[in-house]
């Protein structure tokens, strides 16, 4: 097994072990989940630990399946260490944006690796924007950058309408983390592919404009 497999499987293993512990121990789950009220009271570690807990096996599987699919792209370009850094920063960025948007909702809670995984996903799209993705219910593959932009625009809609029991804010924050960190690691992308760098920034800019205008 090579380093790419080891680092990906390692992160998957941590998620599985922590999540199973949470499935079987309600006190553990409640103590380490993302909770605005608890974080404001000083339990800042929840911003990290919540990213390794999941609601159920389907939630866990979906996140880890997505991670397994896109992690090799990031690792191939940047290496295992920078991949892990992107993963952690994206996780924390998802939690941070959730705090910003839900700071007055002490009751707001969340769990899941979605922020970290979305950061890895968006990093992979930034690195290989024209790779073709097969999406359920869409009969033909679509370019990764189209999916990435569309997904974040959908996340903005989900944040605005509080659509479903989904952490849209964490997803978006994770994407920002993955996008910014990848550009910090590989600033040559600004010169190599400025169009894609700009296109993938559109939803991020749109979110902060809408937030500034009080529309979200």
N, C-alpha and C. Protein backbone atom coordinates (compact mmCIF):
# COMPACT_ATOMS: atom_id res chain seq x y z
N UNK A 1 0.85 -1.19 0.00
CA UNK A 1 0.00 0.00 0.00
C UNK A 1 0.89 1.24 0.00
N UNK A 2 0.66 2.20 -0.91
CA UNK A 2 1.51 3.37 -1.01
C UNK A 2 1.05 4.46 -0.05
N UNK A 3 1.80 5.58 -0.05
CA UNK A 3 1.51 6.66 0.89
C UNK A 3 0.14 7.28 0.67
N UNK A 4 -0.28 7.34 -0.59
CA UNK A 4 -1.59 7.90 -0.88
C UNK A 4 -2.67 7.07 -0.20
N UNK A 5 -2.60 5.78 -0.36
CA UNK A 5 -3.58 4.90 0.27
C UNK A 5 -3.51 5.00 1.79
N UNK A 6 -2.32 5.06 2.33
CA UNK A 6 -2.15 5.09 3.78
C UNK A 6 -2.78 6.33 4.41
N UNK A 7 -2.52 7.49 3.84
CA UNK A 7 -3.05 8.71 4.44
C UNK A 7 -4.56 8.79 4.29
N UNK A 8 -5.07 8.35 3.15
CA UNK A 8 -6.52 8.37 2.95
C UNK A 8 -7.20 7.37 3.88
N UNK A 9 -6.68 6.16 3.92
CA UNK A 9 -7.25 5.14 4.78
C UNK A 9 -7.12 5.53 6.25
N UNK A 10 -6.04 6.22 6.59
CA UNK A 10 -5.86 6.67 7.96
C UNK A 10 -6.95 7.63 8.39
N UNK A 11 -7.25 8.60 7.54
CA UNK A 11 -8.32 9.56 7.86
C UNK A 11 -9.67 8.85 7.90
N UNK A 12 -9.88 7.94 6.95
CA UNK A 12 -11.13 7.18 6.95
C UNK A 12 -11.27 6.38 8.24
N UNK A 13 -10.18 5.75 8.67
CA UNK A 13 -10.21 4.93 9.88
C UNK A 13 -10.56 5.76 11.11
N UNK A 14 -9.96 6.94 11.22
CA UNK A 14 -10.26 7.81 12.36
C UNK A 14 -11.73 8.19 12.37
N UNK A 15 -12.26 8.55 11.20
CA UNK A 15 -13.68 8.90 11.11
C UNK A 15 -14.57 7.73 11.52
N UNK A 16 -14.23 6.54 11.04
CA UNK A 16 -15.04 5.37 11.36
C UNK A 16 -15.01 5.07 12.85
N UNK A 17 -13.83 5.07 13.44
CA UNK A 17 -13.70 4.73 14.86
C UNK A 17 -14.41 5.74 15.75
N UNK A 18 -14.20 7.04 15.48
CA UNK A 18 -14.84 8.07 16.29
C UNK A 18 -16.35 8.05 16.10
N UNK A 19 -16.80 7.85 14.86
CA UNK A 19 -18.24 7.83 14.59
C UNK A 19 -18.92 6.65 15.27
N UNK A 20 -18.30 5.48 15.20
CA UNK A 20 -18.89 4.30 15.85
C UNK A 20 -18.96 4.51 17.37
N UNK A 21 -17.92 5.13 17.93
CA UNK A 21 -17.97 5.46 19.35
C UNK A 21 -19.17 6.37 19.63
N UNK A 22 -19.38 7.34 18.76
CA UNK A 22 -20.52 8.24 18.93
C UNK A 22 -21.86 7.55 18.75
N UNK A 23 -21.93 6.58 17.82
CA UNK A 23 -23.18 5.83 17.63
C UNK A 23 -23.58 5.11 18.91
N UNK A 24 -22.59 4.62 19.63
CA UNK A 24 -22.84 3.76 20.79
C UNK A 24 -22.74 4.48 22.14
N UNK A 25 -22.39 5.74 22.12
CA UNK A 25 -22.19 6.48 23.37
C UNK A 25 -22.77 7.88 23.21
N UNK A 26 -23.99 8.07 23.63
CA UNK A 26 -24.67 9.35 23.47
C UNK A 26 -23.96 10.48 24.19
N UNK A 27 -23.41 10.19 25.37
CA UNK A 27 -22.71 11.23 26.13
C UNK A 27 -21.47 11.70 25.36
N UNK A 28 -20.74 10.76 24.77
CA UNK A 28 -19.56 11.09 23.96
C UNK A 28 -19.98 11.95 22.76
N UNK A 29 -21.04 11.52 22.08
CA UNK A 29 -21.54 12.24 20.91
C UNK A 29 -21.92 13.67 21.28
N UNK A 30 -22.69 13.82 22.36
CA UNK A 30 -23.15 15.15 22.78
C UNK A 30 -22.00 16.03 23.25
N UNK A 31 -20.97 15.42 23.83
CA UNK A 31 -19.85 16.20 24.35
C UNK A 31 -18.97 16.77 23.24
N UNK A 32 -18.88 16.08 22.12
CA UNK A 32 -17.93 16.50 21.08
C UNK A 32 -18.57 16.98 19.78
N UNK A 33 -19.87 17.02 19.68
CA UNK A 33 -20.53 17.55 18.49
C UNK A 33 -20.38 19.07 18.42
N UNK A 34 -20.59 19.62 17.24
CA UNK A 34 -20.58 21.07 17.07
C UNK A 34 -21.82 21.64 17.74
N UNK A 35 -21.61 22.58 18.64
CA UNK A 35 -22.72 23.22 19.35
C UNK A 35 -22.35 24.68 19.58
N UNK A 36 -23.12 25.57 18.99
CA UNK A 36 -22.81 27.00 19.11
C UNK A 36 -22.74 27.44 20.56
N UNK A 37 -23.73 27.05 21.34
CA UNK A 37 -23.76 27.44 22.74
C UNK A 37 -22.55 26.95 23.51
N UNK A 38 -22.19 25.68 23.31
CA UNK A 38 -21.05 25.10 24.03
C UNK A 38 -19.74 25.72 23.58
N UNK A 39 -19.61 26.00 22.30
CA UNK A 39 -18.38 26.61 21.79
C UNK A 39 -18.23 28.01 22.34
N UNK A 40 -19.32 28.76 22.39
CA UNK A 40 -19.28 30.11 22.95
C UNK A 40 -18.92 30.09 24.42
N UNK A 41 -19.25 29.00 25.10
CA UNK A 41 -18.94 28.90 26.53
C UNK A 41 -17.50 28.46 26.79
N UNK A 42 -16.76 28.14 25.72
CA UNK A 42 -15.35 27.83 25.88
C UNK A 42 -14.88 26.49 25.34
N UNK A 43 -15.79 25.65 24.89
CA UNK A 43 -15.41 24.32 24.40
C UNK A 43 -15.05 24.39 22.91
N UNK A 44 -13.96 25.09 22.63
CA UNK A 44 -13.54 25.34 21.24
C UNK A 44 -13.15 24.06 20.51
N UNK A 45 -12.76 23.02 21.25
CA UNK A 45 -12.34 21.78 20.60
C UNK A 45 -13.44 21.14 19.77
N UNK A 46 -14.68 21.49 20.06
CA UNK A 46 -15.80 20.95 19.30
C UNK A 46 -15.73 21.34 17.82
N UNK A 47 -15.08 22.44 17.51
CA UNK A 47 -14.95 22.87 16.12
C UNK A 47 -14.13 21.88 15.31
N UNK A 48 -13.27 21.12 16.00
CA UNK A 48 -12.49 20.07 15.34
C UNK A 48 -13.13 18.70 15.51
N UNK A 49 -13.49 18.34 16.74
CA UNK A 49 -13.97 16.99 17.01
C UNK A 49 -15.28 16.66 16.30
N UNK A 50 -16.11 17.67 16.10
CA UNK A 50 -17.41 17.43 15.44
C UNK A 50 -17.23 16.90 14.02
N UNK A 51 -16.08 17.20 13.42
CA UNK A 51 -15.82 16.77 12.05
C UNK A 51 -15.51 15.30 11.92
N UNK A 52 -15.42 14.58 13.04
CA UNK A 52 -15.15 13.14 12.98
C UNK A 52 -16.34 12.32 13.49
N UNK A 53 -17.42 13.01 13.84
CA UNK A 53 -18.65 12.35 14.27
C UNK A 53 -19.65 12.36 13.13
N UNK A 54 -20.53 11.37 13.10
CA UNK A 54 -21.58 11.30 12.09
C UNK A 54 -22.89 10.83 12.71
N UNK A 55 -23.97 11.16 12.03
CA UNK A 55 -25.30 10.83 12.55
C UNK A 55 -25.57 9.34 12.47
N UNK A 56 -25.20 8.74 11.32
CA UNK A 56 -25.45 7.32 11.11
C UNK A 56 -24.48 6.80 10.05
N UNK A 57 -24.62 5.51 9.73
CA UNK A 57 -23.68 4.89 8.78
C UNK A 57 -23.82 5.45 7.37
N UNK A 58 -25.02 5.80 6.96
CA UNK A 58 -25.19 6.35 5.61
C UNK A 58 -24.50 7.71 5.50
N UNK A 59 -24.63 8.53 6.54
CA UNK A 59 -23.95 9.82 6.58
C UNK A 59 -22.45 9.63 6.52
N UNK A 60 -21.95 8.70 7.29
CA UNK A 60 -20.52 8.37 7.33
C UNK A 60 -20.05 7.87 5.97
N UNK A 61 -20.79 6.93 5.39
CA UNK A 61 -20.38 6.34 4.12
C UNK A 61 -20.33 7.38 3.00
N UNK A 62 -21.33 8.23 2.91
CA UNK A 62 -21.37 9.21 1.83
C UNK A 62 -20.16 10.15 1.90
N UNK A 63 -19.85 10.62 3.10
CA UNK A 63 -18.70 11.52 3.24
C UNK A 63 -17.39 10.82 2.90
N UNK A 64 -17.21 9.60 3.40
CA UNK A 64 -15.94 8.91 3.19
C UNK A 64 -15.79 8.39 1.77
N UNK A 65 -16.89 8.05 1.13
CA UNK A 65 -16.84 7.64 -0.27
C UNK A 65 -16.38 8.80 -1.14
N UNK A 66 -16.92 10.00 -0.87
CA UNK A 66 -16.51 11.20 -1.60
C UNK A 66 -15.05 11.50 -1.35
N UNK A 67 -14.63 11.40 -0.10
CA UNK A 67 -13.23 11.64 0.24
C UNK A 67 -12.30 10.67 -0.50
N UNK A 68 -12.64 9.40 -0.50
CA UNK A 68 -11.80 8.39 -1.14
C UNK A 68 -11.67 8.65 -2.64
N UNK A 69 -12.71 9.18 -3.24
CA UNK A 69 -12.71 9.43 -4.67
C UNK A 69 -11.83 10.63 -5.05
N UNK A 70 -11.87 11.70 -4.24
CA UNK A 70 -11.16 12.93 -4.62
C UNK A 70 -9.81 13.11 -3.93
N UNK A 71 -9.56 12.41 -2.84
CA UNK A 71 -8.28 12.55 -2.14
C UNK A 71 -7.08 12.28 -3.04
N UNK A 72 -7.11 11.22 -3.89
CA UNK A 72 -5.93 10.95 -4.73
C UNK A 72 -5.55 12.10 -5.65
N UNK A 73 -6.52 12.87 -6.10
CA UNK A 73 -6.22 14.01 -6.98
C UNK A 73 -5.37 15.03 -6.24
N UNK A 74 -5.80 15.37 -5.02
CA UNK A 74 -5.08 16.37 -4.23
C UNK A 74 -3.69 15.85 -3.84
N UNK A 75 -3.63 14.59 -3.44
CA UNK A 75 -2.35 14.02 -3.02
C UNK A 75 -1.38 13.93 -4.20
N UNK A 76 -1.88 13.61 -5.37
CA UNK A 76 -1.02 13.52 -6.55
C UNK A 76 -0.37 14.86 -6.87
N UNK A 77 -1.13 15.94 -6.68
CA UNK A 77 -0.62 17.27 -6.99
C UNK A 77 0.25 17.85 -5.87
N UNK A 78 -0.17 17.64 -4.62
CA UNK A 78 0.45 18.37 -3.50
C UNK A 78 1.17 17.50 -2.49
N UNK A 79 0.93 16.19 -2.52
CA UNK A 79 1.57 15.31 -1.55
C UNK A 79 0.68 15.07 -0.33
N UNK A 80 1.04 14.06 0.44
CA UNK A 80 0.19 13.61 1.54
C UNK A 80 0.10 14.64 2.67
N UNK A 81 1.22 15.27 3.01
CA UNK A 81 1.22 16.22 4.12
C UNK A 81 0.32 17.41 3.84
N UNK A 82 0.45 17.99 2.65
CA UNK A 82 -0.38 19.14 2.30
C UNK A 82 -1.85 18.74 2.15
N UNK A 83 -2.09 17.51 1.73
CA UNK A 83 -3.46 17.01 1.68
C UNK A 83 -4.09 17.01 3.07
N UNK A 84 -3.35 16.51 4.06
CA UNK A 84 -3.86 16.49 5.44
C UNK A 84 -4.10 17.90 5.94
N UNK A 85 -3.19 18.82 5.61
CA UNK A 85 -3.36 20.21 6.03
C UNK A 85 -4.63 20.80 5.42
N UNK A 86 -4.86 20.53 4.13
CA UNK A 86 -6.08 21.00 3.48
C UNK A 86 -7.31 20.41 4.16
N UNK A 87 -7.24 19.14 4.50
CA UNK A 87 -8.37 18.47 5.16
C UNK A 87 -8.71 19.14 6.49
N UNK A 88 -7.70 19.37 7.33
CA UNK A 88 -7.93 19.95 8.64
C UNK A 88 -8.38 21.41 8.54
N UNK A 89 -7.71 22.18 7.68
CA UNK A 89 -8.10 23.59 7.53
C UNK A 89 -9.53 23.70 7.01
N UNK A 90 -9.90 22.83 6.07
CA UNK A 90 -11.26 22.85 5.54
C UNK A 90 -12.28 22.50 6.61
N UNK A 91 -11.94 21.52 7.44
CA UNK A 91 -12.82 21.15 8.55
C UNK A 91 -13.04 22.35 9.47
N UNK A 92 -11.95 23.01 9.85
CA UNK A 92 -12.05 24.16 10.75
C UNK A 92 -12.74 25.34 10.09
N UNK A 93 -12.50 25.53 8.79
CA UNK A 93 -13.14 26.63 8.07
C UNK A 93 -14.65 26.41 8.02
N UNK A 94 -15.07 25.15 7.85
CA UNK A 94 -16.50 24.85 7.87
C UNK A 94 -17.12 25.18 9.22
N UNK A 95 -16.42 24.83 10.29
CA UNK A 95 -16.91 25.14 11.63
C UNK A 95 -16.93 26.64 11.88
N UNK A 96 -15.89 27.33 11.42
CA UNK A 96 -15.79 28.77 11.62
C UNK A 96 -16.92 29.51 10.90
N UNK A 97 -17.19 29.13 9.65
CA UNK A 97 -18.26 29.80 8.92
C UNK A 97 -19.62 29.49 9.56
N UNK A 98 -19.77 28.29 10.08
CA UNK A 98 -21.00 27.94 10.79
C UNK A 98 -21.18 28.81 12.02
N UNK A 99 -20.09 29.08 12.72
CA UNK A 99 -20.16 29.97 13.89
C UNK A 99 -20.54 31.39 13.47
N UNK A 100 -19.99 31.84 12.36
CA UNK A 100 -20.28 33.20 11.89
C UNK A 100 -21.75 33.34 11.54
N UNK A 101 -22.29 32.36 10.83
CA UNK A 101 -23.67 32.47 10.36
C UNK A 101 -24.70 32.06 11.40
N UNK A 102 -24.28 31.33 12.42
CA UNK A 102 -25.24 30.85 13.43
C UNK A 102 -24.87 31.32 14.83
N UNK A 103 -24.11 32.41 14.92
CA UNK A 103 -23.58 32.86 16.21
C UNK A 103 -24.67 33.22 17.22
N UNK A 104 -25.84 33.57 16.73
CA UNK A 104 -26.94 33.93 17.63
C UNK A 104 -27.91 32.78 17.87
N UNK A 105 -27.53 31.58 17.43
CA UNK A 105 -28.40 30.40 17.59
C UNK A 105 -27.69 29.39 18.49
N UNK A 106 -27.76 29.62 19.79
CA UNK A 106 -27.05 28.74 20.72
C UNK A 106 -27.49 27.29 20.62
N UNK A 107 -28.68 27.05 20.10
CA UNK A 107 -29.22 25.70 19.97
C UNK A 107 -28.68 24.97 18.75
N UNK A 108 -27.99 25.67 17.85
CA UNK A 108 -27.55 25.07 16.58
C UNK A 108 -26.46 24.04 16.83
N UNK A 109 -26.65 22.83 16.31
CA UNK A 109 -25.67 21.76 16.43
C UNK A 109 -25.44 21.10 15.07
N UNK A 110 -24.30 20.44 14.94
CA UNK A 110 -23.99 19.76 13.68
C UNK A 110 -22.86 18.76 13.92
N UNK A 111 -22.78 17.77 13.05
CA UNK A 111 -21.67 16.83 13.04
C UNK A 111 -21.37 16.44 11.59
N UNK A 112 -20.20 15.86 11.38
CA UNK A 112 -19.89 15.31 10.07
C UNK A 112 -18.61 15.86 9.46
N UNK A 113 -18.02 15.06 8.59
CA UNK A 113 -16.79 15.44 7.90
C UNK A 113 -17.06 16.24 6.64
N UNK A 114 -18.30 16.68 6.46
CA UNK A 114 -18.69 17.33 5.20
C UNK A 114 -17.84 18.55 4.87
N UNK A 115 -17.53 19.38 5.87
CA UNK A 115 -16.71 20.55 5.60
C UNK A 115 -15.33 20.17 5.08
N UNK A 116 -14.70 19.22 5.76
CA UNK A 116 -13.37 18.76 5.34
C UNK A 116 -13.42 18.12 3.96
N UNK A 117 -14.42 17.29 3.74
CA UNK A 117 -14.54 16.58 2.46
C UNK A 117 -14.84 17.55 1.33
N UNK A 118 -15.71 18.53 1.58
CA UNK A 118 -16.00 19.52 0.55
C UNK A 118 -14.77 20.34 0.22
N UNK A 119 -13.93 20.60 1.23
CA UNK A 119 -12.68 21.31 0.98
C UNK A 119 -11.76 20.51 0.08
N UNK A 120 -11.66 19.21 0.32
CA UNK A 120 -10.85 18.34 -0.53
C UNK A 120 -11.45 18.29 -1.94
N UNK A 121 -12.76 18.19 -2.02
CA UNK A 121 -13.45 18.18 -3.31
C UNK A 121 -13.16 19.45 -4.10
N UNK A 122 -13.29 20.60 -3.45
CA UNK A 122 -13.09 21.87 -4.16
C UNK A 122 -11.62 22.06 -4.53
N UNK A 123 -10.72 21.57 -3.68
CA UNK A 123 -9.29 21.61 -4.00
C UNK A 123 -9.01 20.77 -5.25
N UNK A 124 -9.61 19.58 -5.30
CA UNK A 124 -9.41 18.70 -6.46
C UNK A 124 -9.95 19.34 -7.73
N UNK A 125 -11.09 20.01 -7.62
CA UNK A 125 -11.68 20.68 -8.78
C UNK A 125 -10.78 21.83 -9.23
N UNK A 126 -10.23 22.58 -8.29
CA UNK A 126 -9.32 23.67 -8.63
C UNK A 126 -8.07 23.15 -9.34
N UNK A 127 -7.61 21.99 -8.92
CA UNK A 127 -6.40 21.40 -9.51
C UNK A 127 -6.67 20.76 -10.86
N UNK A 128 -7.83 20.14 -11.01
CA UNK A 128 -8.19 19.49 -12.28
C UNK A 128 -9.62 19.87 -12.66
N UNK A 129 -9.83 21.12 -13.05
CA UNK A 129 -11.19 21.63 -13.27
C UNK A 129 -11.94 20.99 -14.43
N UNK A 130 -11.21 20.43 -15.37
CA UNK A 130 -11.90 19.86 -16.54
C UNK A 130 -12.14 18.36 -16.44
N UNK A 131 -11.75 17.74 -15.33
CA UNK A 131 -12.04 16.31 -15.21
C UNK A 131 -13.55 16.10 -15.23
N UNK A 132 -13.96 14.97 -15.78
CA UNK A 132 -15.37 14.70 -15.97
C UNK A 132 -15.93 13.93 -14.77
N UNK A 133 -17.06 14.39 -14.27
CA UNK A 133 -17.70 13.75 -13.12
C UNK A 133 -19.04 13.17 -13.52
N UNK A 134 -19.27 11.94 -13.09
CA UNK A 134 -20.57 11.32 -13.29
C UNK A 134 -21.44 11.57 -12.07
N UNK A 135 -22.57 12.22 -12.25
CA UNK A 135 -23.45 12.59 -11.15
C UNK A 135 -24.76 11.82 -11.26
N UNK A 136 -25.26 11.34 -10.13
CA UNK A 136 -26.54 10.63 -10.14
C UNK A 136 -27.64 11.49 -10.75
N UNK A 137 -28.50 10.87 -11.53
CA UNK A 137 -29.66 11.49 -12.17
C UNK A 137 -29.29 12.41 -13.33
N UNK A 138 -27.97 12.54 -13.63
CA UNK A 138 -27.54 13.30 -14.80
C UNK A 138 -26.93 12.30 -15.77
N UNK A 139 -27.51 12.13 -16.96
CA UNK A 139 -27.12 11.03 -17.85
C UNK A 139 -25.73 11.14 -18.47
N UNK A 140 -25.14 12.35 -18.48
CA UNK A 140 -23.83 12.51 -19.09
C UNK A 140 -22.87 13.13 -18.08
N UNK A 141 -21.56 12.81 -18.18
CA UNK A 141 -20.58 13.43 -17.28
C UNK A 141 -20.53 14.94 -17.48
N UNK A 142 -20.22 15.67 -16.42
CA UNK A 142 -20.09 17.12 -16.52
C UNK A 142 -18.71 17.53 -16.03
N UNK A 143 -18.18 18.64 -16.55
CA UNK A 143 -16.87 19.12 -16.09
C UNK A 143 -16.90 19.42 -14.60
N UNK A 144 -15.80 19.15 -13.93
CA UNK A 144 -15.74 19.33 -12.48
C UNK A 144 -16.01 20.77 -12.07
N UNK A 145 -15.53 21.74 -12.84
CA UNK A 145 -15.72 23.13 -12.43
C UNK A 145 -17.19 23.53 -12.48
N UNK A 146 -17.94 22.96 -13.42
CA UNK A 146 -19.38 23.24 -13.50
C UNK A 146 -20.08 22.69 -12.25
N UNK A 147 -19.70 21.47 -11.88
CA UNK A 147 -20.26 20.87 -10.67
C UNK A 147 -19.91 21.69 -9.44
N UNK A 148 -18.64 22.11 -9.34
CA UNK A 148 -18.19 22.85 -8.16
C UNK A 148 -18.93 24.15 -7.99
N UNK A 149 -19.04 24.93 -9.06
CA UNK A 149 -19.76 26.21 -8.99
C UNK A 149 -21.23 25.97 -8.67
N UNK A 150 -21.83 24.99 -9.36
CA UNK A 150 -23.24 24.69 -9.12
C UNK A 150 -23.51 24.24 -7.70
N UNK A 151 -22.59 23.42 -7.16
CA UNK A 151 -22.76 22.91 -5.81
C UNK A 151 -22.73 24.03 -4.78
N UNK A 152 -21.80 24.97 -4.95
CA UNK A 152 -21.73 26.07 -3.99
C UNK A 152 -22.90 27.03 -4.13
N UNK A 153 -23.38 27.24 -5.34
CA UNK A 153 -24.58 28.08 -5.51
C UNK A 153 -25.79 27.41 -4.85
N UNK A 154 -25.86 26.08 -4.98
CA UNK A 154 -26.92 25.34 -4.29
C UNK A 154 -26.77 25.45 -2.78
N UNK A 155 -25.53 25.44 -2.30
CA UNK A 155 -25.29 25.58 -0.87
C UNK A 155 -25.75 26.95 -0.37
N UNK A 156 -25.54 28.00 -1.18
CA UNK A 156 -26.03 29.32 -0.80
C UNK A 156 -27.55 29.30 -0.68
N UNK A 157 -28.19 28.66 -1.65
CA UNK A 157 -29.66 28.53 -1.60
C UNK A 157 -30.08 27.76 -0.36
N UNK A 158 -29.35 26.67 -0.06
CA UNK A 158 -29.67 25.88 1.12
C UNK A 158 -29.49 26.66 2.40
N UNK A 159 -28.45 27.50 2.47
CA UNK A 159 -28.23 28.33 3.65
C UNK A 159 -29.34 29.36 3.82
N UNK A 160 -29.74 29.95 2.71
CA UNK A 160 -30.77 31.00 2.75
C UNK A 160 -32.13 30.45 3.13
N UNK A 161 -32.46 29.25 2.61
CA UNK A 161 -33.80 28.68 2.82
C UNK A 161 -33.84 27.67 3.94
N UNK A 162 -32.67 27.41 4.59
CA UNK A 162 -32.56 26.38 5.64
C UNK A 162 -33.09 25.05 5.09
N UNK A 163 -32.61 24.69 3.92
CA UNK A 163 -33.11 23.52 3.20
C UNK A 163 -32.59 22.23 3.82
N UNK A 164 -33.51 21.39 4.31
CA UNK A 164 -33.16 20.08 4.81
C UNK A 164 -32.31 20.12 6.07
N UNK A 165 -32.02 18.95 6.59
CA UNK A 165 -31.19 18.82 7.79
C UNK A 165 -29.73 18.63 7.37
N UNK A 166 -29.23 19.64 6.65
CA UNK A 166 -27.90 19.56 6.04
C UNK A 166 -27.09 20.78 6.45
N UNK A 167 -25.81 20.57 6.75
CA UNK A 167 -24.94 21.67 7.15
C UNK A 167 -24.37 22.41 5.95
N UNK A 168 -25.23 23.12 5.23
CA UNK A 168 -24.79 23.83 4.03
C UNK A 168 -23.67 24.82 4.34
N UNK A 169 -23.76 25.47 5.52
CA UNK A 169 -22.75 26.46 5.88
C UNK A 169 -21.38 25.80 6.05
N UNK A 170 -21.34 24.64 6.69
CA UNK A 170 -20.08 23.92 6.87
C UNK A 170 -19.52 23.49 5.52
N UNK A 171 -20.39 23.05 4.61
CA UNK A 171 -19.94 22.67 3.27
C UNK A 171 -19.25 23.86 2.60
N UNK A 172 -19.91 25.00 2.67
CA UNK A 172 -19.39 26.19 1.99
C UNK A 172 -18.08 26.64 2.63
N UNK A 173 -18.05 26.65 3.96
CA UNK A 173 -16.82 27.03 4.65
C UNK A 173 -15.68 26.10 4.31
N UNK A 174 -15.97 24.81 4.23
CA UNK A 174 -14.95 23.85 3.85
C UNK A 174 -14.41 24.10 2.46
N UNK A 175 -15.31 24.43 1.54
CA UNK A 175 -14.89 24.74 0.17
C UNK A 175 -13.97 25.95 0.13
N UNK A 176 -14.31 26.96 0.92
CA UNK A 176 -13.43 28.15 1.00
C UNK A 176 -12.06 27.75 1.52
N UNK A 177 -12.05 26.93 2.57
CA UNK A 177 -10.78 26.47 3.13
C UNK A 177 -9.94 25.72 2.12
N UNK A 178 -10.57 24.80 1.38
CA UNK A 178 -9.86 24.04 0.37
C UNK A 178 -9.35 24.90 -0.77
N UNK A 179 -10.16 25.84 -1.19
CA UNK A 179 -9.81 26.75 -2.29
C UNK A 179 -8.62 27.63 -1.91
N UNK A 180 -8.73 28.31 -0.78
CA UNK A 180 -7.68 29.25 -0.37
C UNK A 180 -6.37 28.52 -0.06
N UNK A 181 -6.45 27.41 0.66
CA UNK A 181 -5.24 26.69 1.04
C UNK A 181 -4.52 26.12 -0.19
N UNK A 182 -5.28 25.62 -1.15
CA UNK A 182 -4.68 25.10 -2.38
C UNK A 182 -3.94 26.20 -3.13
N UNK A 183 -4.52 27.39 -3.19
CA UNK A 183 -3.86 28.51 -3.87
C UNK A 183 -2.61 28.96 -3.11
N UNK A 184 -2.65 28.87 -1.78
CA UNK A 184 -1.46 29.21 -1.00
C UNK A 184 -0.33 28.20 -1.26
N UNK A 185 -0.70 26.94 -1.41
CA UNK A 185 0.30 25.90 -1.69
C UNK A 185 0.78 25.95 -3.13
N UNK A 186 -0.09 26.38 -4.04
CA UNK A 186 0.24 26.35 -5.46
C UNK A 186 -0.17 27.68 -6.12
N UNK A 187 0.50 28.77 -5.76
CA UNK A 187 0.12 30.09 -6.29
C UNK A 187 0.30 30.20 -7.80
N UNK A 188 1.06 29.30 -8.39
CA UNK A 188 1.23 29.31 -9.83
C UNK A 188 -0.07 29.11 -10.59
N UNK A 189 -1.10 28.62 -9.91
CA UNK A 189 -2.41 28.45 -10.56
C UNK A 189 -2.99 29.77 -11.03
N UNK A 190 -2.62 30.87 -10.35
CA UNK A 190 -3.11 32.19 -10.77
C UNK A 190 -2.65 32.52 -12.18
N UNK A 191 -1.43 32.11 -12.51
CA UNK A 191 -0.89 32.37 -13.84
C UNK A 191 -1.25 31.26 -14.82
N UNK A 192 -1.25 30.03 -14.32
CA UNK A 192 -1.49 28.88 -15.21
C UNK A 192 -2.94 28.83 -15.69
N UNK A 193 -3.88 29.10 -14.81
CA UNK A 193 -5.30 28.97 -15.17
C UNK A 193 -6.13 30.03 -14.45
N UNK A 194 -5.88 31.32 -14.75
CA UNK A 194 -6.58 32.39 -14.05
C UNK A 194 -8.10 32.36 -14.25
N UNK A 195 -8.54 31.86 -15.43
CA UNK A 195 -9.97 31.81 -15.68
C UNK A 195 -10.67 30.89 -14.70
N UNK A 196 -10.12 29.68 -14.49
CA UNK A 196 -10.75 28.74 -13.56
C UNK A 196 -10.65 29.22 -12.12
N UNK A 197 -9.52 29.82 -11.78
CA UNK A 197 -9.38 30.36 -10.43
C UNK A 197 -10.47 31.41 -10.18
N UNK A 198 -10.70 32.23 -11.19
CA UNK A 198 -11.73 33.27 -11.07
C UNK A 198 -13.13 32.71 -11.06
N UNK A 199 -13.40 31.74 -11.93
CA UNK A 199 -14.75 31.16 -11.99
C UNK A 199 -15.11 30.47 -10.68
N UNK A 200 -14.16 29.74 -10.11
CA UNK A 200 -14.44 29.01 -8.87
C UNK A 200 -14.56 29.94 -7.67
N UNK A 201 -14.10 31.19 -7.84
CA UNK A 201 -14.25 32.17 -6.75
C UNK A 201 -15.61 32.85 -6.78
N UNK A 202 -16.34 32.75 -7.89
CA UNK A 202 -17.60 33.47 -8.03
C UNK A 202 -18.60 33.16 -6.91
N UNK A 203 -18.87 31.88 -6.60
CA UNK A 203 -19.83 31.61 -5.51
C UNK A 203 -19.36 32.14 -4.16
N UNK A 204 -18.05 32.11 -3.92
CA UNK A 204 -17.50 32.59 -2.65
C UNK A 204 -17.73 34.09 -2.52
N UNK A 205 -17.43 34.81 -3.60
CA UNK A 205 -17.66 36.26 -3.60
C UNK A 205 -19.15 36.56 -3.45
N UNK A 206 -19.97 35.79 -4.15
CA UNK A 206 -21.43 36.00 -4.09
C UNK A 206 -21.95 35.82 -2.67
N UNK A 207 -21.44 34.81 -1.97
CA UNK A 207 -21.90 34.58 -0.60
C UNK A 207 -21.63 35.79 0.29
N UNK A 208 -20.43 36.34 0.22
CA UNK A 208 -20.09 37.44 1.11
C UNK A 208 -20.79 38.74 0.71
N UNK A 209 -21.08 38.89 -0.57
CA UNK A 209 -21.88 40.05 -1.00
C UNK A 209 -23.30 39.93 -0.44
N UNK A 210 -23.89 38.75 -0.57
CA UNK A 210 -25.24 38.53 -0.05
C UNK A 210 -25.28 38.70 1.47
N UNK A 211 -24.24 38.22 2.15
CA UNK A 211 -24.18 38.35 3.60
C UNK A 211 -24.06 39.83 3.99
N UNK A 212 -23.25 40.56 3.26
CA UNK A 212 -23.06 41.97 3.54
C UNK A 212 -24.35 42.76 3.33
N UNK A 213 -25.12 42.34 2.34
CA UNK A 213 -26.39 43.00 2.04
C UNK A 213 -27.53 42.54 2.93
N UNK A 214 -27.25 41.56 3.78
CA UNK A 214 -28.27 41.03 4.68
C UNK A 214 -29.28 40.14 3.98
N UNK A 215 -28.89 39.57 2.85
CA UNK A 215 -29.80 38.72 2.08
C UNK A 215 -29.70 37.26 2.48
N UNK A 216 -28.79 36.95 3.37
CA UNK A 216 -28.62 35.56 3.78
C UNK A 216 -28.18 35.51 5.24
